[in-house]
Amino acid sequence: MLHEAGFAVTAMDTSEKYISELDSKVNPTVGGFETLDFDGVFDGVLLSWMLHHLQRDGIGLALDKMSRSLKAGGWLYLSTVESNQDYRDNIGRLYVTFTEKELIELLDQHGFSVQHVEKHDLDHYEDTPMVGIVVHAQRRSSSASRKA
């Protein structure tokens, strides 16, 4: 785990149940993007398979808050589902999806420079083949301009 390697870790989830199961060494915090209120304190943010569960109109705000929480040059590691069509699964969970191009453009609009992209075929879920996309992006400094 990262904290065992000497990193200070803050874990955040909206589920009190999941947070209560974490070791206190990872600074477990109950909350979501609406409560994310850090300014330039993190070297990295990991979004593991959760961005696609946000409402589309809230994703920009979430990315802005993550960008603000990172130090200049800090890293965002993001994994999500790649597709060109949003959908709900059989238990009603929302999947807001992006193509690789859309995701790169969205990250660029919210202060990140994408450095690396990987795609992986995922196990079929509900008989639907899925593609996972993993992105490594770096927060631009406030003085750096967006790509043209």
N, C-alpha and C. Protein backbone atom coordinates (compact mmCIF):
# COMPACT_ATOMS: atom_id res chain seq x y z
N MET A 1 0.84 -1.19 0.00
CA MET A 1 0.00 0.00 0.00
C MET A 1 0.88 1.24 0.00
N LEU A 2 0.30 2.32 -0.47
CA LEU A 2 1.06 3.55 -0.58
C LEU A 2 1.56 4.06 0.77
N HIS A 3 0.72 3.97 1.79
CA HIS A 3 1.17 4.48 3.09
C HIS A 3 2.31 3.65 3.65
N GLU A 4 2.36 2.35 3.32
CA GLU A 4 3.46 1.50 3.76
C GLU A 4 4.76 1.84 3.05
N ALA A 5 4.65 2.49 1.89
CA ALA A 5 5.84 2.92 1.14
C ALA A 5 6.28 4.32 1.56
N GLY A 6 5.62 4.90 2.56
CA GLY A 6 6.03 6.19 3.07
C GLY A 6 5.22 7.38 2.57
N PHE A 7 4.19 7.12 1.77
CA PHE A 7 3.36 8.20 1.27
C PHE A 7 2.27 8.53 2.27
N ALA A 8 1.93 9.82 2.38
CA ALA A 8 0.75 10.22 3.14
C ALA A 8 -0.44 10.02 2.22
N VAL A 9 -1.47 9.33 2.71
CA VAL A 9 -2.62 8.98 1.89
C VAL A 9 -3.89 9.51 2.54
N THR A 10 -4.75 10.12 1.73
CA THR A 10 -6.09 10.49 2.16
C THR A 10 -7.05 9.70 1.29
N ALA A 11 -7.87 8.87 1.91
CA ALA A 11 -8.86 8.06 1.19
C ALA A 11 -10.22 8.69 1.36
N MET A 12 -10.95 8.85 0.25
CA MET A 12 -12.26 9.48 0.33
C MET A 12 -13.28 8.61 -0.38
N ASP A 13 -14.44 8.44 0.25
CA ASP A 13 -15.55 7.70 -0.34
C ASP A 13 -16.84 8.24 0.27
N THR A 14 -17.92 8.16 -0.48
CA THR A 14 -19.20 8.62 0.05
C THR A 14 -19.82 7.62 1.00
N SER A 15 -19.31 6.40 1.03
CA SER A 15 -19.86 5.35 1.87
C SER A 15 -19.16 5.32 3.24
N GLU A 16 -19.92 5.63 4.29
CA GLU A 16 -19.36 5.52 5.64
C GLU A 16 -18.92 4.10 5.93
N LYS A 17 -19.65 3.11 5.41
CA LYS A 17 -19.31 1.70 5.63
C LYS A 17 -17.91 1.40 5.09
N TYR A 18 -17.64 1.81 3.84
CA TYR A 18 -16.33 1.52 3.25
C TYR A 18 -15.22 2.28 3.98
N ILE A 19 -15.47 3.52 4.32
CA ILE A 19 -14.46 4.32 5.01
C ILE A 19 -14.17 3.74 6.39
N SER A 20 -15.19 3.24 7.07
CA SER A 20 -14.99 2.68 8.41
C SER A 20 -14.11 1.43 8.39
N GLU A 21 -14.00 0.79 7.24
CA GLU A 21 -13.19 -0.42 7.13
C GLU A 21 -11.71 -0.13 6.86
N LEU A 22 -11.37 1.14 6.64
CA LEU A 22 -9.99 1.50 6.31
C LEU A 22 -9.14 1.74 7.54
N ASP A 23 -7.86 1.50 7.39
CA ASP A 23 -6.88 1.78 8.42
C ASP A 23 -6.78 3.29 8.61
N SER A 24 -6.69 3.74 9.85
CA SER A 24 -6.63 5.18 10.12
C SER A 24 -5.36 5.81 9.54
N LYS A 25 -4.37 5.00 9.18
CA LYS A 25 -3.13 5.53 8.59
C LYS A 25 -3.36 6.14 7.21
N VAL A 26 -4.50 5.86 6.59
CA VAL A 26 -4.76 6.42 5.27
C VAL A 26 -5.71 7.63 5.34
N ASN A 27 -5.85 8.22 6.50
CA ASN A 27 -6.69 9.40 6.69
C ASN A 27 -8.05 9.21 6.01
N PRO A 28 -8.84 8.24 6.48
CA PRO A 28 -10.14 7.98 5.85
C PRO A 28 -11.10 9.15 6.04
N THR A 29 -11.72 9.57 4.94
CA THR A 29 -12.60 10.73 4.94
C THR A 29 -13.89 10.40 4.20
N VAL A 30 -15.02 10.62 4.86
CA VAL A 30 -16.31 10.42 4.21
C VAL A 30 -16.67 11.68 3.44
N GLY A 31 -16.96 11.50 2.16
CA GLY A 31 -17.36 12.65 1.35
C GLY A 31 -17.24 12.33 -0.12
N GLY A 32 -17.71 13.26 -0.91
CA GLY A 32 -17.64 13.14 -2.36
C GLY A 32 -17.02 14.40 -2.93
N PHE A 33 -17.15 14.56 -4.22
CA PHE A 33 -16.53 15.72 -4.86
C PHE A 33 -17.10 17.03 -4.35
N GLU A 34 -18.37 17.02 -3.98
CA GLU A 34 -18.97 18.26 -3.50
C GLU A 34 -18.33 18.72 -2.20
N THR A 35 -17.68 17.82 -1.45
CA THR A 35 -17.04 18.19 -0.19
C THR A 35 -15.52 18.26 -0.33
N LEU A 36 -14.98 17.97 -1.49
CA LEU A 36 -13.54 18.01 -1.71
C LEU A 36 -13.07 19.46 -1.63
N ASP A 37 -12.27 19.76 -0.61
CA ASP A 37 -11.89 21.15 -0.37
C ASP A 37 -10.42 21.22 0.05
N PHE A 38 -9.53 20.92 -0.88
CA PHE A 38 -8.10 20.97 -0.63
C PHE A 38 -7.48 21.91 -1.66
N ASP A 39 -6.47 22.63 -1.25
CA ASP A 39 -5.78 23.53 -2.17
C ASP A 39 -4.31 23.15 -2.28
N GLY A 40 -3.93 22.56 -3.41
CA GLY A 40 -2.54 22.27 -3.71
C GLY A 40 -1.81 21.44 -2.69
N VAL A 41 -2.46 20.42 -2.15
CA VAL A 41 -1.81 19.63 -1.10
C VAL A 41 -1.38 18.22 -1.55
N PHE A 42 -1.90 17.73 -2.66
CA PHE A 42 -1.62 16.35 -3.06
C PHE A 42 -0.63 16.29 -4.22
N ASP A 43 0.24 15.29 -4.17
CA ASP A 43 1.14 15.00 -5.29
C ASP A 43 0.43 14.17 -6.35
N GLY A 44 -0.58 13.43 -5.94
CA GLY A 44 -1.31 12.59 -6.87
C GLY A 44 -2.72 12.32 -6.40
N VAL A 45 -3.61 12.10 -7.36
CA VAL A 45 -4.99 11.71 -7.09
C VAL A 45 -5.29 10.47 -7.93
N LEU A 46 -5.88 9.47 -7.31
CA LEU A 46 -6.24 8.24 -7.99
C LEU A 46 -7.76 8.13 -8.05
N LEU A 47 -8.30 8.07 -9.25
CA LEU A 47 -9.74 7.87 -9.46
C LEU A 47 -9.89 6.49 -10.08
N SER A 48 -10.20 5.53 -9.28
CA SER A 48 -10.24 4.15 -9.74
C SER A 48 -11.68 3.72 -10.02
N TRP A 49 -12.03 3.64 -11.28
CA TRP A 49 -13.31 3.11 -11.73
C TRP A 49 -14.50 3.78 -11.06
N MET A 50 -14.48 5.11 -10.99
CA MET A 50 -15.63 5.77 -10.38
C MET A 50 -16.14 6.98 -11.15
N LEU A 51 -15.31 7.60 -11.98
CA LEU A 51 -15.73 8.81 -12.69
C LEU A 51 -17.00 8.56 -13.51
N HIS A 52 -17.13 7.38 -14.07
CA HIS A 52 -18.28 7.06 -14.91
C HIS A 52 -19.59 6.94 -14.12
N HIS A 53 -19.52 6.97 -12.81
CA HIS A 53 -20.75 6.90 -12.00
C HIS A 53 -21.28 8.28 -11.61
N LEU A 54 -20.57 9.34 -11.99
CA LEU A 54 -21.04 10.70 -11.71
C LEU A 54 -22.03 11.14 -12.78
N GLN A 55 -22.90 12.06 -12.43
CA GLN A 55 -23.77 12.68 -13.43
C GLN A 55 -22.88 13.48 -14.38
N ARG A 56 -23.19 13.47 -15.65
CA ARG A 56 -22.37 14.15 -16.65
C ARG A 56 -22.17 15.63 -16.31
N ASP A 57 -23.23 16.30 -15.82
CA ASP A 57 -23.11 17.73 -15.54
C ASP A 57 -22.27 18.03 -14.30
N GLY A 58 -21.86 17.02 -13.55
CA GLY A 58 -21.01 17.23 -12.38
C GLY A 58 -19.56 16.87 -12.58
N ILE A 59 -19.23 16.28 -13.73
CA ILE A 59 -17.87 15.80 -13.95
C ILE A 59 -16.88 16.96 -14.07
N GLY A 60 -17.25 18.04 -14.74
CA GLY A 60 -16.36 19.20 -14.86
C GLY A 60 -16.00 19.77 -13.50
N LEU A 61 -16.99 19.94 -12.63
CA LEU A 61 -16.74 20.45 -11.28
C LEU A 61 -15.82 19.50 -10.52
N ALA A 62 -16.05 18.21 -10.65
CA ALA A 62 -15.20 17.23 -9.96
C ALA A 62 -13.76 17.34 -10.44
N LEU A 63 -13.55 17.46 -11.74
CA LEU A 63 -12.19 17.58 -12.28
C LEU A 63 -11.55 18.90 -11.84
N ASP A 64 -12.32 19.98 -11.78
CA ASP A 64 -11.79 21.25 -11.29
C ASP A 64 -11.33 21.12 -9.85
N LYS A 65 -12.13 20.46 -9.02
CA LYS A 65 -11.76 20.30 -7.61
C LYS A 65 -10.53 19.41 -7.46
N MET A 66 -10.43 18.38 -8.28
CA MET A 66 -9.23 17.53 -8.22
C MET A 66 -8.01 18.31 -8.66
N SER A 67 -8.15 19.10 -9.72
CA SER A 67 -7.03 19.91 -10.19
C SER A 67 -6.59 20.87 -9.09
N ARG A 68 -7.54 21.52 -8.45
CA ARG A 68 -7.22 22.46 -7.37
C ARG A 68 -6.55 21.76 -6.19
N SER A 69 -6.91 20.51 -5.93
CA SER A 69 -6.34 19.80 -4.79
C SER A 69 -4.90 19.35 -5.02
N LEU A 70 -4.50 19.29 -6.30
CA LEU A 70 -3.14 18.86 -6.64
C LEU A 70 -2.16 20.02 -6.60
N LYS A 71 -0.92 19.70 -6.25
CA LYS A 71 0.17 20.65 -6.41
C LYS A 71 0.39 20.84 -7.90
N ALA A 72 0.95 21.98 -8.31
CA ALA A 72 1.32 22.18 -9.71
C ALA A 72 2.24 21.03 -10.11
N GLY A 73 1.95 20.41 -11.24
CA GLY A 73 2.73 19.26 -11.69
C GLY A 73 2.30 17.94 -11.07
N GLY A 74 1.28 17.99 -10.19
CA GLY A 74 0.78 16.77 -9.57
C GLY A 74 0.10 15.87 -10.60
N TRP A 75 -0.08 14.62 -10.23
CA TRP A 75 -0.57 13.59 -11.17
C TRP A 75 -1.98 13.14 -10.85
N LEU A 76 -2.73 12.95 -11.92
CA LEU A 76 -4.06 12.33 -11.84
C LEU A 76 -3.97 10.99 -12.55
N TYR A 77 -4.34 9.94 -11.85
CA TYR A 77 -4.42 8.59 -12.42
C TYR A 77 -5.89 8.22 -12.44
N LEU A 78 -6.43 8.00 -13.61
CA LEU A 78 -7.86 7.82 -13.77
C LEU A 78 -8.13 6.56 -14.57
N SER A 79 -9.06 5.76 -14.10
CA SER A 79 -9.53 4.61 -14.89
C SER A 79 -11.04 4.71 -14.99
N THR A 80 -11.54 4.42 -16.19
CA THR A 80 -12.98 4.52 -16.43
C THR A 80 -13.34 3.62 -17.61
N VAL A 81 -14.60 3.63 -17.96
CA VAL A 81 -15.10 2.82 -19.08
C VAL A 81 -15.11 3.69 -20.33
N GLU A 82 -14.60 3.15 -21.43
CA GLU A 82 -14.64 3.88 -22.69
C GLU A 82 -15.82 3.39 -23.51
N SER A 83 -16.61 4.33 -24.00
CA SER A 83 -17.73 4.02 -24.86
C SER A 83 -18.23 5.34 -25.45
N ASN A 84 -19.12 5.24 -26.39
CA ASN A 84 -19.72 6.46 -26.93
C ASN A 84 -21.21 6.55 -26.57
N GLN A 85 -21.62 5.76 -25.57
CA GLN A 85 -23.03 5.79 -25.18
C GLN A 85 -23.16 5.55 -23.68
N ASP A 86 -23.81 6.47 -22.97
CA ASP A 86 -24.08 6.30 -21.55
C ASP A 86 -25.14 5.21 -21.36
N TYR A 87 -25.12 4.54 -20.22
CA TYR A 87 -26.12 3.51 -19.96
C TYR A 87 -26.24 3.24 -18.47
N ARG A 88 -27.25 2.49 -18.10
CA ARG A 88 -27.44 2.01 -16.72
C ARG A 88 -27.36 0.49 -16.74
N ASP A 89 -26.76 -0.06 -15.68
CA ASP A 89 -26.69 -1.51 -15.61
C ASP A 89 -27.98 -2.08 -15.03
N ASN A 90 -28.02 -3.38 -14.83
CA ASN A 90 -29.28 -4.03 -14.40
C ASN A 90 -29.68 -3.70 -12.96
N ILE A 91 -28.79 -3.06 -12.20
CA ILE A 91 -29.18 -2.62 -10.86
C ILE A 91 -29.31 -1.10 -10.78
N GLY A 92 -29.27 -0.45 -11.95
CA GLY A 92 -29.55 0.97 -12.02
C GLY A 92 -28.36 1.90 -11.91
N ARG A 93 -27.14 1.36 -11.81
CA ARG A 93 -25.97 2.24 -11.72
C ARG A 93 -25.73 2.93 -13.06
N LEU A 94 -25.46 4.22 -12.97
CA LEU A 94 -25.20 5.02 -14.15
C LEU A 94 -23.77 4.83 -14.63
N TYR A 95 -23.60 4.73 -15.94
CA TYR A 95 -22.27 4.71 -16.56
C TYR A 95 -22.24 5.85 -17.57
N VAL A 96 -21.56 6.94 -17.19
CA VAL A 96 -21.34 8.07 -18.09
C VAL A 96 -20.00 7.79 -18.75
N THR A 97 -20.00 7.66 -20.05
CA THR A 97 -18.80 7.21 -20.73
C THR A 97 -18.27 8.25 -21.70
N PHE A 98 -17.02 8.07 -22.07
CA PHE A 98 -16.34 8.96 -22.99
C PHE A 98 -15.51 8.13 -23.95
N THR A 99 -15.30 8.66 -25.13
CA THR A 99 -14.28 8.09 -26.00
C THR A 99 -12.93 8.61 -25.50
N GLU A 100 -11.86 8.01 -25.97
CA GLU A 100 -10.53 8.48 -25.58
C GLU A 100 -10.37 9.96 -25.93
N LYS A 101 -10.76 10.34 -27.13
CA LYS A 101 -10.62 11.74 -27.57
C LYS A 101 -11.43 12.68 -26.67
N GLU A 102 -12.66 12.32 -26.35
CA GLU A 102 -13.50 13.16 -25.48
C GLU A 102 -12.87 13.31 -24.09
N LEU A 103 -12.34 12.22 -23.56
CA LEU A 103 -11.75 12.26 -22.22
C LEU A 103 -10.51 13.14 -22.20
N ILE A 104 -9.67 13.02 -23.20
CA ILE A 104 -8.46 13.85 -23.29
C ILE A 104 -8.85 15.33 -23.39
N GLU A 105 -9.84 15.64 -24.21
CA GLU A 105 -10.30 17.03 -24.34
C GLU A 105 -10.88 17.55 -23.03
N LEU A 106 -11.66 16.72 -22.34
CA LEU A 106 -12.24 17.13 -21.07
C LEU A 106 -11.16 17.41 -20.03
N LEU A 107 -10.19 16.54 -19.95
CA LEU A 107 -9.09 16.75 -19.00
C LEU A 107 -8.32 18.02 -19.34
N ASP A 108 -8.08 18.26 -20.60
CA ASP A 108 -7.39 19.47 -21.04
C ASP A 108 -8.17 20.72 -20.61
N GLN A 109 -9.48 20.70 -20.76
CA GLN A 109 -10.32 21.83 -20.39
C GLN A 109 -10.28 22.13 -18.90
N HIS A 110 -9.89 21.12 -18.10
CA HIS A 110 -9.92 21.29 -16.65
C HIS A 110 -8.52 21.27 -16.03
N GLY A 111 -7.52 21.66 -16.85
CA GLY A 111 -6.19 21.92 -16.28
C GLY A 111 -5.21 20.78 -16.30
N PHE A 112 -5.48 19.74 -17.07
CA PHE A 112 -4.58 18.58 -17.10
C PHE A 112 -3.97 18.38 -18.48
N SER A 113 -2.74 17.92 -18.50
CA SER A 113 -2.07 17.49 -19.74
C SER A 113 -1.93 15.98 -19.69
N VAL A 114 -2.58 15.30 -20.61
CA VAL A 114 -2.53 13.84 -20.63
C VAL A 114 -1.15 13.40 -21.10
N GLN A 115 -0.54 12.51 -20.32
CA GLN A 115 0.80 12.02 -20.62
C GLN A 115 0.81 10.59 -21.15
N HIS A 116 -0.21 9.81 -20.78
CA HIS A 116 -0.21 8.40 -21.16
C HIS A 116 -1.64 7.87 -21.13
N VAL A 117 -1.98 7.04 -22.11
CA VAL A 117 -3.30 6.41 -22.17
C VAL A 117 -3.11 4.93 -22.49
N GLU A 118 -3.82 4.09 -21.76
CA GLU A 118 -3.84 2.64 -22.03
C GLU A 118 -5.29 2.20 -22.14
N LYS A 119 -5.53 1.21 -22.98
CA LYS A 119 -6.86 0.62 -23.08
C LYS A 119 -6.75 -0.87 -22.81
N HIS A 120 -7.79 -1.41 -22.17
CA HIS A 120 -7.82 -2.82 -21.82
C HIS A 120 -9.21 -3.38 -22.05
N ASP A 121 -9.29 -4.55 -22.65
CA ASP A 121 -10.57 -5.24 -22.72
C ASP A 121 -10.90 -5.73 -21.32
N LEU A 122 -12.11 -5.47 -20.89
CA LEU A 122 -12.55 -5.87 -19.56
C LEU A 122 -13.40 -7.12 -19.66
N ASP A 123 -13.51 -7.82 -18.56
CA ASP A 123 -14.43 -8.95 -18.53
C ASP A 123 -15.82 -8.46 -18.92
N HIS A 124 -16.56 -9.28 -19.57
CA HIS A 124 -17.91 -8.90 -19.97
C HIS A 124 -18.77 -8.73 -18.73
N TYR A 125 -19.54 -7.68 -18.74
CA TYR A 125 -20.46 -7.41 -17.65
C TYR A 125 -21.85 -7.40 -18.23
N GLU A 126 -22.71 -8.20 -17.69
CA GLU A 126 -24.08 -8.31 -18.20
C GLU A 126 -24.08 -8.60 -19.71
N ASP A 127 -23.18 -9.49 -20.12
CA ASP A 127 -23.05 -9.89 -21.52
C ASP A 127 -22.68 -8.74 -22.45
N THR A 128 -22.09 -7.70 -21.89
CA THR A 128 -21.68 -6.55 -22.69
C THR A 128 -20.16 -6.43 -22.63
N PRO A 129 -19.49 -6.53 -23.78
CA PRO A 129 -18.04 -6.31 -23.75
C PRO A 129 -17.76 -4.85 -23.40
N MET A 130 -16.73 -4.63 -22.60
CA MET A 130 -16.39 -3.28 -22.16
C MET A 130 -14.90 -3.04 -22.39
N VAL A 131 -14.56 -1.79 -22.62
CA VAL A 131 -13.17 -1.38 -22.75
C VAL A 131 -12.87 -0.42 -21.60
N GLY A 132 -11.81 -0.71 -20.88
CA GLY A 132 -11.35 0.19 -19.83
C GLY A 132 -10.29 1.11 -20.39
N ILE A 133 -10.30 2.33 -19.93
CA ILE A 133 -9.28 3.30 -20.34
C ILE A 133 -8.61 3.83 -19.08
N VAL A 134 -7.29 3.83 -19.09
CA VAL A 134 -6.49 4.31 -17.97
C VAL A 134 -5.69 5.50 -18.47
N VAL A 135 -5.78 6.60 -17.75
CA VAL A 135 -5.12 7.84 -18.17
C VAL A 135 -4.21 8.32 -17.05
N HIS A 136 -3.01 8.73 -17.43
CA HIS A 136 -2.09 9.41 -16.53
C HIS A 136 -2.01 10.85 -17.04
N ALA A 137 -2.40 11.80 -16.21
CA ALA A 137 -2.41 13.21 -16.62
C ALA A 137 -1.74 14.04 -15.54
N GLN A 138 -1.12 15.11 -15.97
CA GLN A 138 -0.41 15.98 -15.04
C GLN A 138 -1.11 17.34 -14.99
N ARG A 139 -1.23 17.85 -13.77
CA ARG A 139 -1.84 19.17 -13.60
C ARG A 139 -0.88 20.23 -14.13
N ARG A 140 -1.42 21.09 -14.99
CA ARG A 140 -0.61 22.20 -15.47
C ARG A 140 -0.51 23.26 -14.39
N SER A 141 0.59 23.99 -14.38
CA SER A 141 0.68 25.11 -13.45
C SER A 141 -0.32 26.17 -13.90
N SER A 142 -0.73 27.02 -13.01
CA SER A 142 -1.75 28.02 -13.34
C SER A 142 -1.27 28.96 -14.44
N SER A 143 0.05 29.12 -14.58
CA SER A 143 0.57 30.01 -15.61
C SER A 143 0.72 29.34 -16.97
N ALA A 144 0.63 27.99 -16.99
CA ALA A 144 0.76 27.27 -18.25
C ALA A 144 -0.53 27.39 -19.04
N SER A 145 -0.41 27.62 -20.32
CA SER A 145 -1.61 27.76 -21.14
C SER A 145 -2.07 26.40 -21.64
N ARG A 146 -3.36 26.33 -21.97
CA ARG A 146 -3.91 25.11 -22.56
C ARG A 146 -3.34 24.88 -23.92
N LYS A 147 -3.35 23.61 -24.34
CA LYS A 147 -2.92 23.28 -25.69
C LYS A 147 -3.85 23.95 -26.69
N ALA A 148 -3.28 24.37 -27.81
CA ALA A 148 -4.12 25.00 -28.85
C ALA A 148 -4.87 23.96 -29.63
